[in-house]
Amino acid sequence: MKVFMSALPNCVFLILTVVSATQAVTIDSSVERDVFHSASAAGNLFSQNFDAIASGTTVNTINGVTYSASQGNAVVTSDFLATTPPNGLGSTSFGYFGSTESAVISFAAVITAFAIDINTFAPNSGDYVATLNIGSTINSRPVYFGGSSFGEFFGFTSDTPFTSATIRASAGGDALLPYTLDTLIFGEASNLRAAIPEPSTWILLAIGLGLLFAWRTTVPRLPAFKIHARHRSPHAFREERGNRTPGHCTRAIRNSLRTTGSRADAQLFAFKCGLELRRSRI
């Protein structure tokens, strides 16, 4: 009995260790912005850019997504930068989210893929953080939006479903700066991965290009041909060439072949010059 009791704490420790390991969350924050946009354009993920909503409209829940601000209410605005003009999302506190204000985005159904643009002058990775309801924290990263527009971006997948993301400026950044949000994309990570070619796809593509190159270098080329013009007869040349020299006539024939590709036109030039057109191998 004593042996059993002494072994029990070790068993409990092992069980707790296993449970703790199964609760680990894997976040992939390396997915590029273009990949999210391609998946959205293909209809694989949901999106919201706020452009169909009138500027100045206070929003709460739209299509199962709830937007809120810690110092006011979420509001659609066209007064500030937007990655998909004219509208973005701000707060009624200042028209934008203040430097110490949090923006909370909640979903009616669980998701595993999330992306959103941050319109800001903050220049560094980690100037903003997104905290998920499952406890994970993700750093923003700088991104080029096109034109002369730069900002920050969240784009990640999670192997554990979540239902909300709280965005705020990071105290670890160079400075706490205000911001607006734009172009929310969300859904299932499996649908996002469908838009990313698997490594095997790239391998097959490389093999195909290599075979095409090998075929082009091994297939014998057709023999080239050279155009010759010769006099049909001295009398015909004197009668028909007029003021044209033989060299002039030959150049005219070659130019005709280069510009129109028509052998009939070249034959006509040759006839007018009193020449005979024939083709032979080089």
Protein backbone atom coordinates (compact mmCIF):
# COMPACT_ATOMS: atom_id res chain seq x y z
CA MET A 1 0.00 0.00 0.00
CA LYS A 2 2.82 2.37 0.77
CA VAL A 3 4.44 1.63 -2.58
CA PHE A 4 1.19 2.50 -4.39
CA MET A 5 0.82 5.82 -2.58
CA SER A 6 4.42 6.81 -3.28
CA ALA A 7 4.00 6.14 -7.01
CA LEU A 8 0.71 8.05 -7.28
CA PRO A 9 2.20 11.58 -7.38
CA ASN A 10 4.41 10.55 -10.31
CA CYS A 11 1.38 9.25 -12.21
CA VAL A 12 -0.50 12.48 -11.60
CA PHE A 13 2.51 14.46 -12.81
CA LEU A 14 2.67 12.44 -16.03
CA ILE A 15 -1.05 12.96 -16.71
CA LEU A 16 -0.79 16.71 -16.15
CA THR A 17 2.21 16.86 -18.46
CA VAL A 18 0.32 15.13 -21.26
CA VAL A 19 -2.71 17.40 -20.85
CA SER A 20 -0.49 20.48 -20.89
CA ALA A 21 1.22 19.30 -24.07
CA THR A 22 -2.09 18.74 -25.86
CA GLN A 23 -3.12 22.34 -25.06
CA ALA A 24 -0.11 23.84 -26.88
CA VAL A 25 -1.18 26.13 -29.73
CA THR A 26 0.74 26.40 -32.99
CA ILE A 27 0.49 29.76 -34.73
CA ASP A 28 1.87 30.31 -38.24
CA SER A 29 2.33 34.05 -38.73
CA SER A 30 4.50 33.76 -41.84
CA VAL A 31 1.65 33.61 -44.36
CA GLU A 32 1.98 36.47 -46.86
CA ARG A 33 -0.71 39.08 -47.31
CA ASP A 34 -1.08 38.24 -51.00
CA VAL A 35 -1.92 34.64 -50.12
CA PHE A 36 -4.83 35.76 -47.94
CA HIS A 37 -6.09 38.10 -50.65
CA SER A 38 -5.85 35.39 -53.31
CA ALA A 39 -7.82 32.97 -51.14
CA SER A 40 -10.44 35.65 -50.50
CA ALA A 41 -10.72 36.51 -54.19
CA ALA A 42 -11.19 32.80 -54.95
CA GLY A 43 -14.05 32.63 -52.44
CA ASN A 44 -12.16 30.36 -50.05
CA LEU A 45 -12.18 32.88 -47.17
CA PHE A 46 -14.59 35.59 -45.98
CA SER A 47 -13.68 39.26 -46.13
CA GLN A 48 -14.89 42.72 -45.09
CA ASN A 49 -13.40 46.00 -46.35
CA PHE A 50 -16.18 48.32 -45.03
CA ASP A 51 -16.53 50.07 -48.40
CA ALA A 52 -20.18 49.06 -48.81
CA ILE A 53 -21.04 50.85 -45.54
CA ALA A 54 -21.54 54.62 -45.44
CA SER A 55 -18.73 56.54 -43.75
CA GLY A 56 -19.74 57.67 -40.26
CA THR A 57 -21.83 54.55 -39.60
CA THR A 58 -21.37 53.06 -36.14
CA VAL A 59 -21.11 49.31 -36.50
CA ASN A 60 -21.63 46.47 -34.09
CA THR A 61 -22.29 43.11 -35.76
CA ILE A 62 -22.00 42.55 -39.51
CA ASN A 63 -22.48 39.08 -41.01
CA GLY A 64 -21.66 37.33 -37.78
CA VAL A 65 -18.62 39.47 -36.95
CA THR A 66 -18.77 41.90 -34.01
CA TYR A 67 -16.55 44.99 -33.84
CA SER A 68 -15.93 46.99 -30.68
CA ALA A 69 -13.53 49.61 -29.30
CA SER A 70 -12.32 49.95 -25.73
CA GLN A 71 -12.84 53.74 -25.61
CA GLY A 72 -15.89 54.13 -27.83
CA ASN A 73 -17.72 52.30 -30.59
CA ALA A 74 -16.40 50.97 -33.86
CA VAL A 75 -17.19 53.33 -36.73
CA VAL A 76 -16.66 53.23 -40.49
CA THR A 77 -14.54 56.17 -41.61
CA SER A 78 -13.18 57.62 -44.83
CA ASP A 79 -11.22 60.40 -43.10
CA PHE A 80 -7.98 58.44 -42.83
CA LEU A 81 -5.77 56.13 -44.84
CA ALA A 82 -7.35 52.94 -46.14
CA THR A 83 -5.73 50.04 -47.95
CA THR A 84 -8.91 49.57 -49.98
CA PRO A 85 -10.27 53.13 -50.31
CA PRO A 86 -12.44 54.81 -49.43
CA ASN A 87 -13.34 53.30 -46.04
CA GLY A 88 -11.60 51.78 -43.05
CA LEU A 89 -12.61 51.06 -39.47
CA GLY A 90 -11.95 53.43 -36.57
CA SER A 91 -13.45 54.41 -33.22
CA THR A 92 -15.90 57.09 -32.18
CA SER A 93 -13.35 58.16 -29.57
CA PHE A 94 -11.16 60.06 -32.08
CA GLY A 95 -12.42 58.84 -35.43
CA TYR A 96 -9.52 56.38 -35.26
CA PHE A 97 -8.34 53.97 -32.58
CA GLY A 98 -6.27 55.89 -30.05
CA SER A 99 -2.73 54.88 -29.22
CA THR A 100 -3.90 53.22 -25.99
CA GLU A 101 -7.17 51.91 -27.39
CA SER A 102 -7.96 48.30 -28.20
CA ALA A 103 -10.02 47.05 -31.13
CA VAL A 104 -11.85 43.78 -30.54
CA ILE A 105 -13.10 41.59 -33.39
CA SER A 106 -15.28 38.63 -32.39
CA PHE A 107 -16.70 35.86 -34.55
CA ALA A 108 -19.97 33.95 -34.16
CA ALA A 109 -18.28 30.75 -35.37
CA VAL A 110 -14.78 29.52 -34.66
CA ILE A 111 -12.05 30.32 -37.19
CA THR A 112 -8.44 29.26 -37.71
CA ALA A 113 -7.25 31.88 -40.25
CA PHE A 114 -7.17 35.64 -39.67
CA ALA A 115 -5.74 38.65 -41.48
CA ILE A 116 -6.24 42.40 -41.23
CA ASP A 117 -4.44 45.57 -42.38
CA ILE A 118 -3.35 48.24 -39.89
CA ASN A 119 -3.13 51.76 -41.29
CA THR A 120 -0.45 53.41 -39.19
CA PHE A 121 2.90 55.17 -39.30
CA ALA A 122 4.44 52.59 -36.97
CA PRO A 123 7.49 51.13 -38.78
CA ASN A 124 8.54 48.01 -36.88
CA SER A 125 7.51 44.42 -36.34
CA GLY A 126 5.66 44.02 -33.09
CA ASP A 127 4.44 47.63 -32.90
CA TYR A 128 0.98 46.06 -32.54
CA VAL A 129 -0.13 42.79 -31.01
CA ALA A 130 -3.21 40.65 -31.45
CA THR A 131 -4.30 38.57 -28.46
CA LEU A 132 -6.62 35.65 -29.14
CA ASN A 133 -9.25 34.34 -26.75
CA ILE A 134 -7.24 31.09 -26.55
CA GLY A 135 -4.37 33.04 -24.98
CA SER A 136 -1.98 33.29 -27.93
CA THR A 137 -0.35 36.63 -28.81
CA ILE A 138 0.82 37.50 -32.33
CA ASN A 139 3.06 40.40 -33.37
CA SER A 140 2.25 42.59 -36.35
CA ARG A 141 4.72 42.91 -39.19
CA PRO A 142 5.44 45.81 -41.56
CA VAL A 143 3.98 45.47 -45.03
CA TYR A 144 3.87 47.36 -48.33
CA PHE A 145 0.29 48.06 -49.38
CA GLY A 146 1.13 49.42 -52.84
CA GLY A 147 1.83 52.87 -54.23
CA SER A 148 3.52 54.83 -51.46
CA SER A 149 1.49 53.21 -48.69
CA PHE A 150 3.09 51.23 -45.90
CA GLY A 151 1.66 49.95 -42.64
CA GLU A 152 1.39 46.89 -40.43
CA PHE A 153 -0.31 43.57 -41.03
CA PHE A 154 -1.63 40.59 -39.09
CA GLY A 155 -1.88 37.37 -41.06
CA PHE A 156 -1.76 33.99 -39.35
CA THR A 157 -3.28 30.56 -38.96
CA SER A 158 -3.86 28.59 -35.77
CA ASP A 159 -4.16 24.86 -35.27
CA THR A 160 -6.57 25.65 -32.43
CA PRO A 161 -9.88 27.36 -33.30
CA PHE A 162 -10.53 30.79 -31.77
CA THR A 163 -13.39 33.28 -31.76
CA SER A 164 -11.87 36.70 -31.04
CA ALA A 165 -8.79 38.86 -31.57
CA THR A 166 -7.97 41.96 -29.54
CA ILE A 167 -5.66 44.40 -31.32
CA ARG A 168 -3.69 47.13 -29.55
CA ALA A 169 -0.47 49.10 -29.85
CA SER A 170 2.41 47.33 -28.17
CA ALA A 171 4.15 48.84 -25.16
CA GLY A 172 7.31 47.20 -26.48
CA GLY A 173 7.20 49.21 -29.71
CA ASP A 174 9.17 52.39 -30.38
CA ALA A 175 6.07 54.49 -29.77
CA LEU A 176 2.37 53.97 -29.20
CA LEU A 177 0.69 55.25 -32.35
CA PRO A 178 -3.00 55.53 -33.31
CA TYR A 179 -4.36 53.39 -36.13
CA THR A 180 -7.31 52.34 -38.26
CA LEU A 181 -8.13 48.88 -39.60
CA ASP A 182 -9.07 47.66 -43.05
CA THR A 183 -9.61 44.54 -45.16
CA LEU A 184 -10.45 41.82 -42.65
CA ILE A 185 -10.07 38.28 -44.04
CA PHE A 186 -10.97 35.19 -42.03
CA GLY A 187 -12.11 31.58 -42.20
CA GLU A 188 -10.66 28.09 -42.11
CA ALA A 189 -6.91 27.59 -42.42
CA SER A 190 -7.49 24.54 -44.62
CA ASN A 191 -9.16 26.79 -47.21
CA LEU A 192 -6.20 29.15 -47.09
CA ARG A 193 -3.71 26.35 -47.63
CA ALA A 194 -5.68 25.29 -50.69
CA ALA A 195 -4.48 28.53 -52.31
CA ILE A 196 -0.82 27.74 -51.50
CA PRO A 197 0.85 25.31 -53.92
CA GLU A 198 2.23 22.26 -52.16
CA PRO A 199 5.98 21.57 -52.47
CA SER A 200 5.15 18.61 -54.72
CA THR A 201 3.39 21.01 -57.11
CA TRP A 202 6.51 23.14 -57.41
CA ILE A 203 8.60 19.99 -58.00
CA LEU A 204 6.28 18.82 -60.78
CA LEU A 205 6.38 22.30 -62.34
CA ALA A 206 10.19 22.32 -62.25
CA ILE A 207 10.33 18.85 -63.82
CA GLY A 208 7.92 19.92 -66.55
CA LEU A 209 9.95 23.02 -67.39
CA GLY A 210 13.14 20.97 -67.41
CA LEU A 211 11.64 18.42 -69.83
CA LEU A 212 10.39 21.23 -72.06
CA PHE A 213 13.85 22.79 -72.14
CA ALA A 214 15.46 19.43 -72.90
CA TRP A 215 12.98 18.81 -75.72
CA ARG A 216 13.65 22.20 -77.28
CA THR A 217 17.40 21.62 -77.20
CA THR A 218 17.24 18.09 -78.67
CA VAL A 219 14.62 18.47 -81.42
CA PRO A 220 16.46 19.18 -84.70
CA ARG A 221 15.72 22.53 -86.22
CA LEU A 222 14.27 22.78 -89.68
CA PRO A 223 16.85 23.78 -92.32
CA ALA A 224 17.02 27.46 -93.09
CA PHE A 225 16.37 28.73 -96.55
CA LYS A 226 17.91 31.51 -98.53
CA ILE A 227 16.13 33.50 -101.19
CA HIS A 228 17.86 33.91 -104.55
CA ALA A 229 16.79 36.17 -107.38
CA ARG A 230 18.16 35.64 -110.85
CA HIS A 231 17.40 37.12 -114.25
CA ARG A 232 14.76 35.28 -116.22
CA SER A 233 16.54 36.60 -119.34
CA PRO A 234 18.72 39.59 -120.18
CA HIS A 235 15.99 40.90 -122.49
CA ALA A 236 13.32 40.64 -119.77
CA PHE A 237 15.56 42.40 -117.28
CA ARG A 238 16.20 45.30 -119.70
CA GLU A 239 12.53 45.62 -120.58
CA GLU A 240 10.96 45.35 -117.13
CA ARG A 241 13.36 46.69 -114.54
CA GLY A 242 13.09 50.32 -115.68
CA ASN A 243 15.36 52.41 -113.45
CA ARG A 244 15.68 49.68 -110.81
CA THR A 245 19.07 48.08 -110.37
CA PRO A 246 19.39 44.34 -109.62
CA GLY A 247 20.44 45.16 -106.04
CA HIS A 248 17.38 47.35 -105.56
CA CYS A 249 15.10 44.61 -106.82
CA THR A 250 16.66 41.98 -104.56
CA ARG A 251 16.31 44.23 -101.49
CA ALA A 252 12.66 44.92 -102.37
CA ILE A 253 11.96 41.21 -102.58
CA ARG A 254 13.61 40.52 -99.24
CA ASN A 255 11.76 43.41 -97.57
CA SER A 256 8.49 42.08 -98.92
CA LEU A 257 9.15 38.67 -97.45
CA ARG A 258 10.12 40.16 -94.08
CA THR A 259 7.16 42.54 -93.76
CA THR A 260 4.29 40.55 -95.26
CA GLY A 261 5.64 37.02 -95.31
CA SER A 262 3.84 36.60 -98.62
CA ARG A 263 5.71 34.68 -101.27
CA ALA A 264 3.13 35.85 -103.83
CA ASP A 265 4.07 39.48 -103.19
CA ALA A 266 7.74 38.62 -103.56
CA GLN A 267 7.04 36.83 -106.81
CA LEU A 268 5.27 39.95 -108.08
CA PHE A 269 8.28 42.11 -107.22
CA ALA A 270 10.53 39.62 -108.99
CA PHE A 271 8.39 39.61 -112.11
CA LYS A 272 8.39 43.40 -112.28
CA CYS A 273 12.16 43.38 -112.04
CA GLY A 274 12.54 40.68 -114.67
CA LEU A 275 13.89 38.27 -112.06
CA GLU A 276 13.09 34.66 -111.22
CA LEU A 277 12.53 33.81 -107.54
CA ARG A 278 13.64 30.43 -106.24
CA ARG A 279 14.45 28.95 -102.85
CA SER A 280 17.34 26.74 -101.87
CA ARG A 281 18.86 25.36 -98.66
CA ILE A 282 21.70 27.29 -97.03
